[in-house]
Amino acid sequence: MIPYAWLQRWSACFTMAITMTVVLWGCANVPRHYVRMAEPGTTLTALTAHPEMYRGKVVLLGGTIIEEAENEQYLWLHVTNRPLDQDYVPHRPADMDGPEAGSYWVVVTKQQFPRQYREWGRITVVGRVTGMQQYAEPVLSLLYVRGWGLSSAQHGVWENVNPTYIPSTPGGIKKN
């Protein structure tokens, strides 16, 4: 093989490798820095059983929004848990009456959150455990969410620009 042909072939392979890396990196369901921040292997069962162990820590959970409440500043989303697979995509739990079929709350600043979330059938949540509880369910301060709608046009991603905010309970929700 002549040097020019070898260089051409090597350049094509190198370009293909770089392109595949960029494409695969851009297709991640949860950004890598959030995966690194999150407590590995956290489940809703563990979070509910030992909330003090997770206070202030970042967790990854999946779910479906079933209810919402809001006050002047915050939007509170009540989420039914849907365990995540290895690609961080939420799915129905194996036992719909088991411990992983519970729910949790997510709180976010409503001015920043897109209204498109109402079209999301499933969500992947990255949140910081606040230590607060609503109806004995954990509350997460939202850092990142990926939503899946019925069509790809309804999919969405949101990332918190101020992860240091402290939520307050809306008037319509009772504290424990």
Protein backbone atom coordinates (compact mmCIF):
# COMPACT_ATOMS: atom_id res chain seq x y z
CA MET A 1 0.00 0.00 0.00
CA ILE A 2 1.40 3.37 -0.94
CA PRO A 3 1.81 5.99 1.82
CA TYR A 4 -0.91 8.26 0.40
CA ALA A 5 -3.53 5.49 0.36
CA TRP A 6 -2.52 4.43 3.88
CA LEU A 7 -2.88 8.03 5.12
CA GLN A 8 -6.28 8.34 3.45
CA ARG A 9 -7.51 5.09 5.01
CA TRP A 10 -6.16 6.05 8.44
CA SER A 11 -7.83 9.49 8.23
CA ALA A 12 -11.17 7.93 7.32
CA CYS A 13 -10.99 5.50 10.25
CA PHE A 14 -9.97 8.25 12.65
CA THR A 15 -12.81 10.49 11.46
CA MET A 16 -15.31 7.65 11.84
CA ALA A 17 -14.08 6.91 15.39
CA ILE A 18 -14.38 10.57 16.43
CA THR A 19 -17.84 10.87 14.86
CA MET A 20 -19.09 7.73 16.66
CA THR A 21 -17.70 8.99 19.97
CA VAL A 22 -19.49 12.34 19.60
CA VAL A 23 -22.75 10.70 18.54
CA LEU A 24 -22.74 8.18 21.37
CA TRP A 25 -21.73 10.77 23.93
CA GLY A 26 -24.56 13.05 22.85
CA CYS A 27 -27.12 10.25 23.13
CA ALA A 28 -26.66 9.66 26.87
CA ASN A 29 -29.93 9.77 28.80
CA VAL A 30 -28.28 11.37 31.84
CA PRO A 31 -25.13 13.51 31.65
CA ARG A 32 -22.10 11.73 33.02
CA HIS A 33 -21.38 14.33 35.73
CA TYR A 34 -24.81 13.68 37.29
CA VAL A 35 -24.26 9.93 37.19
CA ARG A 36 -20.95 10.47 39.03
CA MET A 37 -22.62 12.75 41.60
CA ALA A 38 -25.43 10.29 42.35
CA GLU A 39 -25.35 7.67 45.08
CA PRO A 40 -24.90 4.37 43.22
CA GLY A 41 -27.70 1.82 43.39
CA THR A 42 -30.17 4.03 45.26
CA THR A 43 -33.75 2.76 45.19
CA LEU A 44 -36.96 4.32 46.44
CA THR A 45 -37.20 1.50 48.99
CA ALA A 46 -33.80 2.38 50.47
CA LEU A 47 -34.53 6.11 50.35
CA THR A 48 -37.85 5.67 52.17
CA ALA A 49 -36.47 3.23 54.75
CA HIS A 50 -33.38 5.31 55.63
CA PRO A 51 -34.00 8.95 54.66
CA GLU A 52 -31.38 10.25 57.11
CA MET A 53 -28.65 8.34 55.23
CA TYR A 54 -29.50 10.15 52.00
CA ARG A 55 -30.15 13.71 53.29
CA GLY A 56 -28.19 16.15 51.11
CA LYS A 57 -27.09 13.44 48.68
CA VAL A 58 -27.87 13.25 44.97
CA VAL A 59 -29.99 10.34 43.73
CA LEU A 60 -31.24 9.06 40.36
CA LEU A 61 -34.85 7.87 40.19
CA GLY A 62 -37.42 7.32 37.47
CA GLY A 63 -41.13 7.90 37.47
CA THR A 64 -44.40 9.25 36.15
CA ILE A 65 -45.89 12.56 37.27
CA ILE A 66 -49.28 11.94 38.92
CA GLU A 67 -50.01 15.25 40.65
CA GLU A 68 -48.71 18.78 40.93
CA ALA A 69 -49.01 21.64 43.39
CA GLU A 70 -47.48 25.08 43.37
CA ASN A 71 -46.94 28.18 45.42
CA GLU A 72 -45.62 31.57 44.32
CA GLN A 73 -42.11 30.30 43.71
CA TYR A 74 -42.05 26.50 43.47
CA LEU A 75 -43.68 23.69 41.55
CA TRP A 76 -44.14 20.43 43.47
CA LEU A 77 -44.46 17.27 41.37
CA HIS A 78 -45.77 14.06 42.92
CA VAL A 79 -44.08 11.20 41.08
CA THR A 80 -44.93 7.50 41.05
CA ASN A 81 -41.68 5.56 41.06
CA ARG A 82 -40.59 3.71 37.92
CA PRO A 83 -37.25 1.90 38.43
CA LEU A 84 -34.49 2.80 35.98
CA ASP A 85 -32.79 0.34 33.66
CA GLN A 86 -29.05 0.34 32.89
CA ASP A 87 -29.57 3.22 30.42
CA TYR A 88 -31.47 5.31 33.03
CA VAL A 89 -34.81 4.84 31.29
CA PRO A 90 -37.78 4.37 33.67
CA HIS A 91 -39.94 1.25 33.45
CA ARG A 92 -42.86 -0.18 35.45
CA PRO A 93 -41.73 -2.14 38.51
CA ALA A 94 -42.03 -5.92 38.35
CA ASP A 95 -44.51 -5.86 41.24
CA MET A 96 -46.98 -2.95 41.04
CA ASP A 97 -47.84 -3.45 44.74
CA GLY A 98 -44.25 -3.88 45.93
CA PRO A 99 -42.01 -1.38 47.70
CA GLU A 100 -40.64 0.07 44.44
CA ALA A 101 -44.18 1.00 43.39
CA GLY A 102 -44.27 3.90 45.86
CA SER A 103 -43.97 7.59 45.14
CA TYR A 104 -41.93 10.68 45.98
CA TRP A 105 -42.05 14.46 45.52
CA VAL A 106 -39.83 16.67 43.35
CA VAL A 107 -39.61 20.42 43.91
CA VAL A 108 -38.38 22.93 41.33
CA THR A 109 -38.49 26.69 40.74
CA LYS A 110 -41.54 27.10 38.52
CA GLN A 111 -40.27 30.12 36.56
CA GLN A 112 -37.42 28.03 35.18
CA PHE A 113 -39.29 24.78 34.51
CA PRO A 114 -40.71 24.28 30.99
CA ARG A 115 -44.50 23.77 30.67
CA GLN A 116 -43.70 20.96 28.25
CA TYR A 117 -43.36 18.66 31.30
CA ARG A 118 -47.11 18.01 31.15
CA GLU A 119 -46.52 16.04 27.93
CA TRP A 120 -43.96 13.73 29.54
CA GLY A 121 -45.23 10.21 30.19
CA ARG A 122 -42.04 9.12 31.98
CA ILE A 123 -39.19 11.02 33.59
CA THR A 124 -35.67 10.34 34.81
CA VAL A 125 -34.93 12.54 37.83
CA VAL A 126 -31.60 13.62 39.28
CA GLY A 127 -32.31 15.29 42.59
CA ARG A 128 -30.81 16.19 45.94
CA VAL A 129 -32.61 14.64 48.93
CA THR A 130 -33.91 17.56 50.98
CA GLY A 131 -34.63 15.71 54.22
CA MET A 132 -38.21 17.01 54.09
CA GLN A 133 -41.10 14.61 53.63
CA GLN A 134 -44.62 15.00 52.25
CA TYR A 135 -47.08 12.36 53.46
CA ALA A 136 -44.10 10.24 54.62
CA GLU A 137 -42.64 10.36 51.08
CA PRO A 138 -39.17 11.71 50.28
CA VAL A 139 -38.73 15.13 48.65
CA LEU A 140 -36.02 15.79 46.05
CA SER A 141 -34.75 19.18 44.96
CA LEU A 142 -34.55 18.84 41.17
CA LEU A 143 -31.14 19.18 39.50
CA TYR A 144 -31.84 17.51 36.15
CA VAL A 145 -34.78 15.80 34.48
CA ARG A 146 -35.22 14.01 31.18
CA GLY A 147 -38.79 13.51 30.02
CA TRP A 148 -40.19 11.09 27.49
CA GLY A 149 -43.46 11.84 25.73
CA LEU A 150 -45.51 9.71 23.38
CA SER A 151 -43.56 11.08 20.41
CA SER A 152 -40.00 12.33 20.14
CA ALA A 153 -41.35 15.87 19.65
CA GLN A 154 -42.61 15.72 23.25
CA HIS A 155 -39.28 14.60 24.75
CA GLY A 156 -37.45 17.17 26.82
CA VAL A 157 -34.54 17.89 29.11
CA TRP A 158 -34.21 20.44 31.90
CA GLU A 159 -31.22 21.32 34.04
CA ASN A 160 -31.21 23.49 37.16
CA VAL A 161 -29.13 26.64 36.82
CA ASN A 162 -29.16 27.28 40.60
CA PRO A 163 -28.88 23.99 42.52
CA THR A 164 -28.53 25.80 45.89
CA TYR A 165 -32.14 26.96 46.22
CA ILE A 166 -34.14 25.85 49.27
CA PRO A 167 -37.79 24.93 48.66
CA SER A 168 -40.74 25.81 50.88
CA THR A 169 -43.96 23.83 51.23
CA PRO A 170 -46.98 25.14 49.29
CA GLY A 171 -50.04 26.00 51.39
CA GLY A 172 -52.22 23.23 49.94
CA ILE A 173 -49.85 20.42 50.98
CA LYS A 174 -49.79 19.19 54.57
CA LYS A 175 -46.51 18.74 56.38
CA ASN A 176 -45.79 15.64 58.45
